[in-house]
Amino acid sequence: MTCAAKTDGRCTQTPQAFVWSGKPLGQARSAPASFYTSQEVFQAEVNQIHLKHWIFIGRTDQVAEPNSYLAVDTVGGPVLLTRDQNGELHAFANYCRHRGAQLVEGCGRRQRLVCPYHAWGFGLDGRLLRAPGMEDVPGFDLDKESLIPIRMAEWAGNVFVNYDDSAPDLMTHLGGFPALFASHKVEDMRWVFGVEIPAACNWKMLLENAMETYHTGIVHARTVGAQTSMTFDGEENWAAIQVQSTMTTAVLDKSAPAPFPQIASLDEQARKGTYFTLLHPTTQFVFAQDCMWWLAVRPVAPDRSVLSVGGCFPKDYVALPNFQELAQPYFTRWESVAKEDVGILERQQKGVSSVLFKPGLLSSRDDVVHTMGEWIRQRIGTAIYNDPF
């Protein structure tokens, strides 16, 4: 995609009915069973994709105060996002430098992080401050036993980590992605909601499902209902569709006015509907007219994943005295619809596990599903996976 930008940096690109790539429609099929069930394919994805690309782990405002922390599990192991006493943000491997015990879980504020195993204590800047019982160890040096840092970068308050120091920087990875959503002013939003949902399905199924509206009138018949969407001609590392609706899609009740007004800064295209995006490899950001939420997927095994759902609102909305009451319909929608998706995808996982499974023909509304599959297949290598779609 070439983003024709105005002087304010906003993207003026408009969506199309669908943007197809790869095999022609009518010949393209869904991926073979091995794409979702093979341990060999899964391990190749871990090595060639997940450990080489940027992984979204949360928002800077989740660790807004000095000496605050957030523990997050990733495919590369437990991660610790901290803000030290001087207000500087850090990302570390979340384990003690003694014998590897995980330091903390959840989130909170502490002056130091104390290992629950042998009480080694670390500052929020990663420095080892005390190591009881190590006084008689020759050559032991506190300064050499700091927490292991992880490469970290931020865009508009969204924090990412990368286990590959040679990978392109985050903004290069994002390309024109930020410009398309600039008018939402995500940097001024605040995190207000989070839930993690175990899913007995392959990680790719969760993201494929998130990028098509073909299923919504069936799976979500009693919640969001049928939707139609347009596709943006994305770039190498991202894709986007827009569900066409002048009302927010972030609440279920369409019979009453939305609890919050549209964001005042939205450009003309943003006012036409909700953007559902795929930021390769594992994150969907959703930009509605009044909020933003995300689906972040953590691969666990070929048939197991964890779906993290989080939500943000403009800080002015969050400051309202009755914000929690007004926001409750959004929280309900985000969790209930995610659980409906997980339910059908667990059934899909069982289906593709059949020894008789044969890939089916794709529809025009599966265009991003097809593009996503090609993106992954190209990166794990034909030596591991070369079945045609």
Protein backbone atom coordinates (compact mmCIF):
# COMPACT_ATOMS: atom_id res chain seq x y z
CA MET A 1 0.00 0.00 0.00
CA THR A 2 1.17 3.49 -0.80
CA CYS A 3 -0.44 5.81 1.71
CA ALA A 4 -1.24 9.21 0.22
CA ALA A 5 -0.77 11.39 3.27
CA LYS A 6 -2.05 14.87 3.99
CA THR A 7 0.17 17.47 5.61
CA ASP A 8 -1.01 16.31 9.04
CA GLY A 9 0.32 12.80 8.36
CA ARG A 10 -3.04 11.09 8.15
CA CYS A 11 -3.62 8.39 5.57
CA THR A 12 -6.18 9.13 2.88
CA GLN A 13 -6.41 5.58 1.57
CA THR A 14 -9.92 4.24 0.94
CA PRO A 15 -10.98 0.57 1.21
CA GLN A 16 -12.17 -1.71 -1.58
CA ALA A 17 -14.76 -4.49 -1.68
CA PHE A 18 -11.90 -6.95 -1.20
CA VAL A 19 -8.21 -7.05 -2.00
CA TRP A 20 -7.28 -10.49 -3.27
CA SER A 21 -3.73 -11.79 -3.64
CA GLY A 22 -2.24 -15.16 -4.38
CA LYS A 23 -4.20 -17.83 -6.24
CA PRO A 24 -7.28 -16.51 -8.07
CA LEU A 25 -10.62 -16.61 -6.28
CA GLY A 26 -12.24 -19.91 -7.20
CA GLN A 27 -8.93 -21.76 -6.97
CA ALA A 28 -7.70 -20.64 -3.54
CA ARG A 29 -8.45 -23.01 -0.69
CA SER A 30 -8.12 -22.96 3.07
CA ALA A 31 -4.88 -24.26 4.56
CA PRO A 32 -4.24 -27.99 4.99
CA ALA A 33 -4.67 -29.60 8.40
CA SER A 34 -0.92 -29.57 9.08
CA PHE A 35 -1.03 -25.76 9.18
CA TYR A 36 -3.01 -26.06 12.42
CA THR A 37 -2.04 -29.45 13.86
CA SER A 38 1.63 -30.14 13.09
CA GLN A 39 4.19 -29.75 15.87
CA GLU A 40 6.89 -29.32 13.23
CA VAL A 41 5.02 -26.41 11.62
CA PHE A 42 4.33 -24.88 15.04
CA GLN A 43 7.99 -25.02 16.04
CA ALA A 44 9.01 -23.47 12.74
CA GLU A 45 6.55 -20.64 13.39
CA VAL A 46 8.05 -20.06 16.84
CA ASN A 47 11.61 -19.98 15.50
CA GLN A 48 11.06 -18.13 12.21
CA ILE A 49 8.17 -15.81 13.09
CA HIS A 50 7.40 -15.26 16.77
CA LEU A 51 10.98 -14.94 17.96
CA LYS A 52 11.89 -12.65 15.05
CA HIS A 53 8.98 -10.18 15.00
CA TRP A 54 7.50 -7.60 17.36
CA ILE A 55 5.18 -8.90 20.08
CA PHE A 56 2.61 -6.57 21.66
CA ILE A 57 2.66 -6.83 25.47
CA GLY A 58 0.53 -3.95 26.75
CA ARG A 59 0.15 -0.21 27.23
CA THR A 60 2.54 2.26 28.81
CA ASP A 61 -0.28 3.51 31.04
CA GLN A 62 -0.54 0.05 32.59
CA VAL A 63 2.75 0.96 34.29
CA ALA A 64 2.11 4.68 34.56
CA GLU A 65 3.57 5.28 38.04
CA PRO A 66 7.21 5.02 39.15
CA ASN A 67 8.10 1.60 40.61
CA SER A 68 5.21 -0.12 38.81
CA TYR A 69 5.38 -3.40 36.90
CA LEU A 70 3.37 -5.63 34.59
CA ALA A 71 4.12 -9.35 34.11
CA VAL A 72 3.20 -10.79 30.71
CA ASP A 73 3.65 -14.28 29.26
CA THR A 74 4.96 -14.51 25.70
CA VAL A 75 5.99 -17.28 23.34
CA GLY A 76 9.59 -16.45 24.31
CA GLY A 77 8.89 -16.80 28.02
CA PRO A 78 7.71 -14.52 30.83
CA VAL A 79 8.34 -10.79 30.35
CA LEU A 80 8.47 -8.03 32.93
CA LEU A 81 7.55 -4.49 31.90
CA THR A 82 8.63 -1.96 34.54
CA ARG A 83 8.81 1.76 35.15
CA ASP A 84 11.66 2.55 37.51
CA GLN A 85 11.79 5.21 40.23
CA ASN A 86 12.99 7.77 37.67
CA GLY A 87 10.06 7.09 35.34
CA GLU A 88 12.04 5.15 32.73
CA LEU A 89 10.38 2.20 31.00
CA HIS A 90 12.15 -1.20 30.82
CA ALA A 91 11.46 -4.74 29.60
CA PHE A 92 13.23 -7.72 31.18
CA ALA A 93 13.07 -11.49 31.13
CA ASN A 94 10.93 -12.24 34.18
CA TYR A 95 13.20 -14.60 36.07
CA CYS A 96 15.67 -14.41 38.94
CA ARG A 97 19.35 -14.47 37.98
CA HIS A 98 20.04 -17.06 40.69
CA ARG A 99 18.20 -20.20 39.62
CA GLY A 100 15.52 -18.92 37.30
CA ALA A 101 12.37 -18.62 39.40
CA GLN A 102 9.75 -16.26 37.96
CA LEU A 103 9.99 -13.04 39.97
CA VAL A 104 6.43 -11.68 39.91
CA GLU A 105 2.99 -12.25 38.43
CA GLY A 106 0.22 -9.80 37.61
CA CYS A 107 0.86 -6.10 38.12
CA GLY A 108 1.46 -3.64 40.94
CA ARG A 109 3.90 -1.23 42.54
CA ARG A 110 6.97 -2.17 44.59
CA GLN A 111 10.24 -0.55 45.60
CA ARG A 112 12.02 -3.77 44.66
CA LEU A 113 11.25 -7.16 43.14
CA VAL A 114 12.08 -9.96 45.58
CA CYS A 115 12.47 -13.49 44.28
CA PRO A 116 10.01 -15.79 46.10
CA TYR A 117 12.56 -18.63 46.06
CA HIS A 118 15.75 -17.28 47.69
CA ALA A 119 14.91 -13.59 48.24
CA TRP A 120 17.30 -11.99 45.79
CA GLY A 121 16.09 -8.42 45.39
CA PHE A 122 16.09 -6.37 42.16
CA GLY A 123 15.30 -2.73 41.49
CA LEU A 124 12.69 -1.77 38.91
CA ASP A 125 15.61 -0.72 36.72
CA GLY A 126 16.83 -4.34 36.72
CA ARG A 127 19.82 -3.92 39.04
CA LEU A 128 20.46 -6.64 41.61
CA LEU A 129 20.30 -4.88 44.98
CA ARG A 130 20.81 -7.73 47.44
CA ALA A 131 21.57 -11.43 47.30
CA PRO A 132 21.36 -12.94 50.81
CA GLY A 133 23.63 -15.91 51.37
CA MET A 134 26.05 -14.97 48.58
CA GLU A 135 28.49 -13.08 50.79
CA ASP A 136 30.98 -15.95 50.90
CA VAL A 137 30.98 -16.66 47.16
CA PRO A 138 34.37 -15.58 45.71
CA GLY A 139 34.09 -12.94 42.99
CA PHE A 140 30.34 -12.47 43.32
CA ASP A 141 29.44 -9.03 41.94
CA LEU A 142 25.94 -7.57 42.27
CA ASP A 143 26.52 -5.37 39.23
CA LYS A 144 27.07 -8.38 36.97
CA GLU A 145 23.83 -10.13 37.90
CA SER A 146 21.21 -7.63 36.71
CA LEU A 147 18.00 -8.76 35.01
CA ILE A 148 18.30 -9.62 31.32
CA PRO A 149 16.88 -6.78 29.18
CA ILE A 150 14.63 -7.45 26.19
CA ARG A 151 14.52 -5.22 23.13
CA MET A 152 11.50 -2.95 23.54
CA ALA A 153 9.80 -0.21 21.51
CA GLU A 154 6.62 1.84 21.74
CA TRP A 155 4.08 3.30 19.33
CA ALA A 156 1.28 5.60 20.56
CA GLY A 157 1.43 4.11 24.05
CA ASN A 158 1.49 0.50 22.79
CA VAL A 159 4.53 -1.49 23.94
CA PHE A 160 6.20 -4.25 21.93
CA VAL A 161 9.16 -6.55 22.55
CA ASN A 162 11.38 -8.40 20.12
CA TYR A 163 13.72 -11.32 20.85
CA ASP A 164 15.77 -10.72 17.69
CA ASP A 165 18.20 -7.80 17.98
CA SER A 166 18.78 -7.90 14.22
CA ALA A 167 15.09 -7.45 13.30
CA PRO A 168 13.99 -4.14 11.72
CA ASP A 169 12.91 -1.49 14.23
CA LEU A 170 9.26 -1.25 15.23
CA MET A 171 8.36 1.78 13.11
CA THR A 172 9.85 0.11 10.03
CA HIS A 173 7.75 -2.97 10.80
CA LEU A 174 4.62 -0.83 11.16
CA GLY A 175 5.15 1.09 7.93
CA GLY A 176 1.98 3.03 7.03
CA PHE A 177 -0.06 1.40 9.80
CA PRO A 178 0.04 4.35 12.24
CA ALA A 179 -0.99 6.88 9.58
CA LEU A 180 -4.26 5.11 8.83
CA PHE A 181 -5.38 5.43 12.46
CA ALA A 182 -3.73 8.72 13.39
CA SER A 183 -7.02 10.57 13.84
CA HIS A 184 -8.03 8.26 16.71
CA LYS A 185 -5.17 9.75 18.76
CA VAL A 186 -4.44 6.41 20.45
CA GLU A 187 -1.53 8.01 22.33
CA ASP A 188 -4.10 9.94 24.38
CA MET A 189 -6.14 6.87 25.32
CA ARG A 190 -6.06 5.03 28.63
CA TRP A 191 -6.21 1.30 29.32
CA VAL A 192 -9.32 0.30 31.30
CA PHE A 193 -10.06 -3.38 30.60
CA GLY A 194 -8.27 -6.70 30.28
CA VAL A 195 -9.10 -10.41 30.30
CA GLU A 196 -7.26 -13.57 29.22
CA ILE A 197 -9.16 -16.48 27.67
CA PRO A 198 -7.63 -19.97 27.18
CA ALA A 199 -8.40 -21.35 23.72
CA ALA A 200 -8.05 -24.99 22.64
CA CYS A 201 -7.18 -24.04 19.07
CA ASN A 202 -4.25 -23.00 16.92
CA TRP A 203 -3.14 -19.37 17.26
CA LYS A 204 -3.73 -18.62 13.57
CA MET A 205 -7.40 -19.54 13.80
CA LEU A 206 -8.01 -16.75 16.31
CA LEU A 207 -6.53 -14.13 14.00
CA GLU A 208 -8.06 -15.49 10.80
CA ASN A 209 -11.46 -15.34 12.46
CA ALA A 210 -10.81 -11.80 13.68
CA MET A 211 -10.19 -10.61 10.11
CA GLU A 212 -13.40 -11.70 8.38
CA THR A 213 -17.07 -10.82 8.82
CA TYR A 214 -18.32 -13.92 6.99
CA HIS A 215 -19.08 -15.62 10.32
CA THR A 216 -20.60 -12.79 12.35
CA GLY A 217 -24.25 -13.27 11.38
CA ILE A 218 -24.03 -16.93 12.45
CA VAL A 219 -21.60 -17.19 15.36
CA HIS A 220 -22.65 -13.81 16.78
CA ALA A 221 -26.30 -13.88 15.72
CA ARG A 222 -27.48 -12.85 19.21
CA THR A 223 -24.68 -10.37 19.88
CA VAL A 224 -23.03 -8.27 17.17
CA GLY A 225 -25.09 -9.81 14.34
CA ALA A 226 -24.30 -9.75 10.62
CA GLN A 227 -21.64 -7.31 9.44
CA THR A 228 -20.21 -6.23 6.11
CA SER A 229 -16.69 -4.95 5.58
CA MET A 230 -14.31 -3.38 3.10
CA THR A 231 -10.63 -4.30 2.79
CA PHE A 232 -7.64 -1.96 2.77
CA ASP A 233 -4.70 -2.79 0.53
CA GLY A 234 -2.28 -3.20 3.43
CA GLU A 235 1.47 -3.55 3.51
CA GLU A 236 3.81 -6.46 4.13
CA ASN A 237 3.34 -6.65 7.89
CA TRP A 238 -0.27 -5.58 8.35
CA ALA A 239 -3.78 -5.82 6.95
CA ALA A 240 -7.00 -3.97 7.71
CA ILE A 241 -10.71 -4.17 7.05
CA GLN A 242 -13.40 -1.68 7.98
CA VAL A 243 -16.87 -2.73 9.14
CA GLN A 244 -19.19 -0.17 7.63
CA SER A 245 -21.38 1.42 10.29
CA THR A 246 -21.76 4.98 11.49
CA MET A 247 -22.51 3.59 14.96
CA THR A 248 -19.82 2.08 17.12
CA THR A 249 -19.45 -1.71 16.91
CA ALA A 250 -18.11 -1.79 20.48
CA VAL A 251 -21.54 -2.21 22.12
CA LEU A 252 -24.27 -4.73 21.48
CA ASP A 253 -27.39 -2.60 21.92
CA LYS A 254 -27.97 -0.74 18.65
CA SER A 255 -31.43 0.51 19.67
CA ALA A 256 -30.07 3.26 21.91
CA PRO A 257 -27.46 5.97 21.38
CA ALA A 258 -23.89 4.93 22.14
CA PRO A 259 -22.79 5.70 25.72
CA PHE A 260 -19.86 7.81 24.46
CA PRO A 261 -19.66 10.31 21.59
CA GLN A 262 -17.46 9.85 18.57
CA ILE A 263 -13.86 10.95 19.02
CA ALA A 264 -13.83 14.57 17.88
CA SER A 265 -10.59 14.29 15.89
CA LEU A 266 -11.70 11.43 13.60
CA ASP A 267 -11.14 11.92 9.89
CA GLU A 268 -13.83 11.27 7.30
CA GLN A 269 -12.89 7.63 6.65
CA ALA A 270 -12.69 6.80 10.36
CA ARG A 271 -16.24 8.07 10.89
CA LYS A 272 -17.56 5.54 8.36
CA GLY A 273 -16.92 2.49 10.52
CA THR A 274 -14.67 0.38 12.72
CA TYR A 275 -11.20 -0.69 11.61
CA PHE A 276 -10.30 -4.33 12.37
CA THR A 277 -6.60 -4.86 11.79
CA LEU A 278 -4.00 -7.60 11.73
CA LEU A 279 -0.51 -6.57 12.78
CA HIS A 280 1.63 -9.58 12.02
CA PRO A 281 2.18 -11.90 13.58
CA THR A 282 -0.16 -12.04 16.59
CA THR A 283 -2.07 -8.82 17.26
CA GLN A 284 -5.34 -7.25 16.23
CA PHE A 285 -6.02 -3.63 17.11
CA VAL A 286 -9.63 -2.52 16.64
CA PHE A 287 -10.31 1.19 16.18
CA ALA A 288 -13.95 2.14 16.69
CA GLN A 289 -15.35 5.66 16.59
CA ASP A 290 -15.28 5.94 20.39
CA CYS A 291 -12.60 3.52 21.67
CA MET A 292 -9.86 1.06 20.82
CA TRP A 293 -9.49 -2.57 21.84
CA TRP A 294 -7.13 -5.39 21.02
CA LEU A 295 -6.89 -9.15 20.63
CA ALA A 296 -3.35 -10.36 21.34
CA VAL A 297 -2.72 -14.07 20.79
CA ARG A 298 -0.07 -16.10 22.60
CA PRO A 299 0.74 -19.43 20.91
CA VAL A 300 1.20 -22.28 23.40
CA ALA A 301 1.02 -25.47 21.29
CA PRO A 302 -0.37 -26.45 17.88
CA ASP A 303 -3.83 -26.79 19.44
CA ARG A 304 -3.59 -24.37 22.39
CA SER A 305 -3.41 -20.59 22.66
CA VAL A 306 -4.22 -17.78 25.05
CA LEU A 307 -6.29 -14.83 23.84
CA SER A 308 -5.65 -11.53 25.63
CA VAL A 309 -8.38 -8.91 25.20
CA GLY A 310 -7.79 -5.32 26.30
CA GLY A 311 -9.57 -2.01 25.85
CA CYS A 312 -8.86 1.73 25.91
CA PHE A 313 -10.85 4.96 25.82
CA PRO A 314 -9.86 8.60 25.34
CA LYS A 315 -8.58 9.97 28.62
CA ASP A 316 -11.38 12.56 28.76
CA TYR A 317 -13.97 9.77 28.75
CA VAL A 318 -12.12 7.87 31.47
CA ALA A 319 -12.16 11.00 33.64
CA LEU A 320 -15.97 11.16 33.66
CA PRO A 321 -17.45 10.47 37.14
CA ASN A 322 -19.78 7.76 35.77
CA PHE A 323 -17.24 6.25 33.38
CA GLN A 324 -17.42 2.71 34.79
CA GLU A 325 -21.20 2.62 34.42
CA LEU A 326 -21.06 3.98 30.87
CA ALA A 327 -18.24 1.62 29.86
CA GLN A 328 -19.80 -1.59 31.17
CA PRO A 329 -21.60 -2.42 27.87
CA TYR A 330 -18.24 -2.25 26.10
CA PHE A 331 -16.61 -4.60 28.60
CA THR A 332 -19.50 -7.04 28.19
CA ARG A 333 -19.27 -6.94 24.42
CA TRP A 334 -15.50 -7.42 24.31
CA GLU A 335 -15.50 -10.48 26.57
CA SER A 336 -18.71 -12.16 25.42
CA VAL A 337 -17.95 -11.92 21.70
CA ALA A 338 -14.38 -13.16 22.26
CA LYS A 339 -15.73 -16.20 24.10
CA GLU A 340 -18.19 -16.89 21.27
CA ASP A 341 -15.27 -16.83 18.83
CA VAL A 342 -13.19 -19.16 20.98
CA GLY A 343 -16.09 -21.60 21.16
CA ILE A 344 -16.45 -21.95 17.39
CA LEU A 345 -12.69 -22.07 16.84
CA GLU A 346 -12.31 -24.94 19.28
CA ARG A 347 -14.83 -26.78 17.11
CA GLN A 348 -12.83 -25.86 14.02
CA GLN A 349 -9.68 -27.26 15.63
CA LYS A 350 -11.45 -30.55 16.21
CA GLY A 351 -12.68 -30.58 12.62
CA VAL A 352 -9.32 -30.02 10.95
CA SER A 353 -7.88 -32.81 13.11
CA SER A 354 -9.92 -35.35 11.14
CA VAL A 355 -7.79 -37.72 9.04
CA LEU A 356 -10.32 -37.06 6.26
CA PHE A 357 -10.02 -33.27 6.34
CA LYS A 358 -9.63 -31.60 2.93
CA PRO A 359 -9.19 -27.83 2.50
CA GLY A 360 -12.29 -26.02 1.25
CA LEU A 361 -12.66 -23.24 -1.31
CA LEU A 362 -12.37 -19.71 0.06
CA SER A 363 -14.87 -16.92 -0.48
CA SER A 364 -14.11 -13.29 -1.37
CA ARG A 365 -14.73 -12.47 2.30
CA ASP A 366 -11.79 -14.72 3.22
CA ASP A 367 -9.29 -12.45 1.43
CA VAL A 368 -7.26 -11.53 4.54
CA VAL A 369 -7.37 -15.15 5.75
CA HIS A 370 -5.69 -16.14 2.50
CA THR A 371 -3.15 -13.31 2.68
CA MET A 372 -2.28 -14.19 6.27
CA GLY A 373 -1.67 -17.82 5.36
CA GLU A 374 0.67 -16.81 2.55
CA TRP A 375 2.57 -14.45 4.87
CA ILE A 376 3.22 -17.27 7.32
CA ARG A 377 4.00 -19.93 4.72
CA GLN A 378 6.65 -17.75 3.11
CA ARG A 379 8.41 -17.24 6.43
CA ILE A 380 8.51 -20.77 7.79
CA GLY A 381 10.06 -22.10 4.59
CA THR A 382 8.97 -24.63 2.03
CA ALA A 383 11.32 -27.20 3.57
CA ILE A 384 8.93 -27.33 6.54
CA TYR A 385 5.65 -26.50 4.90
CA ASN A 386 5.02 -26.56 1.15
CA ASP A 387 1.44 -27.76 0.78
CA PRO A 388 -0.33 -25.46 -1.72
CA PHE A 389 -3.29 -23.40 -0.57
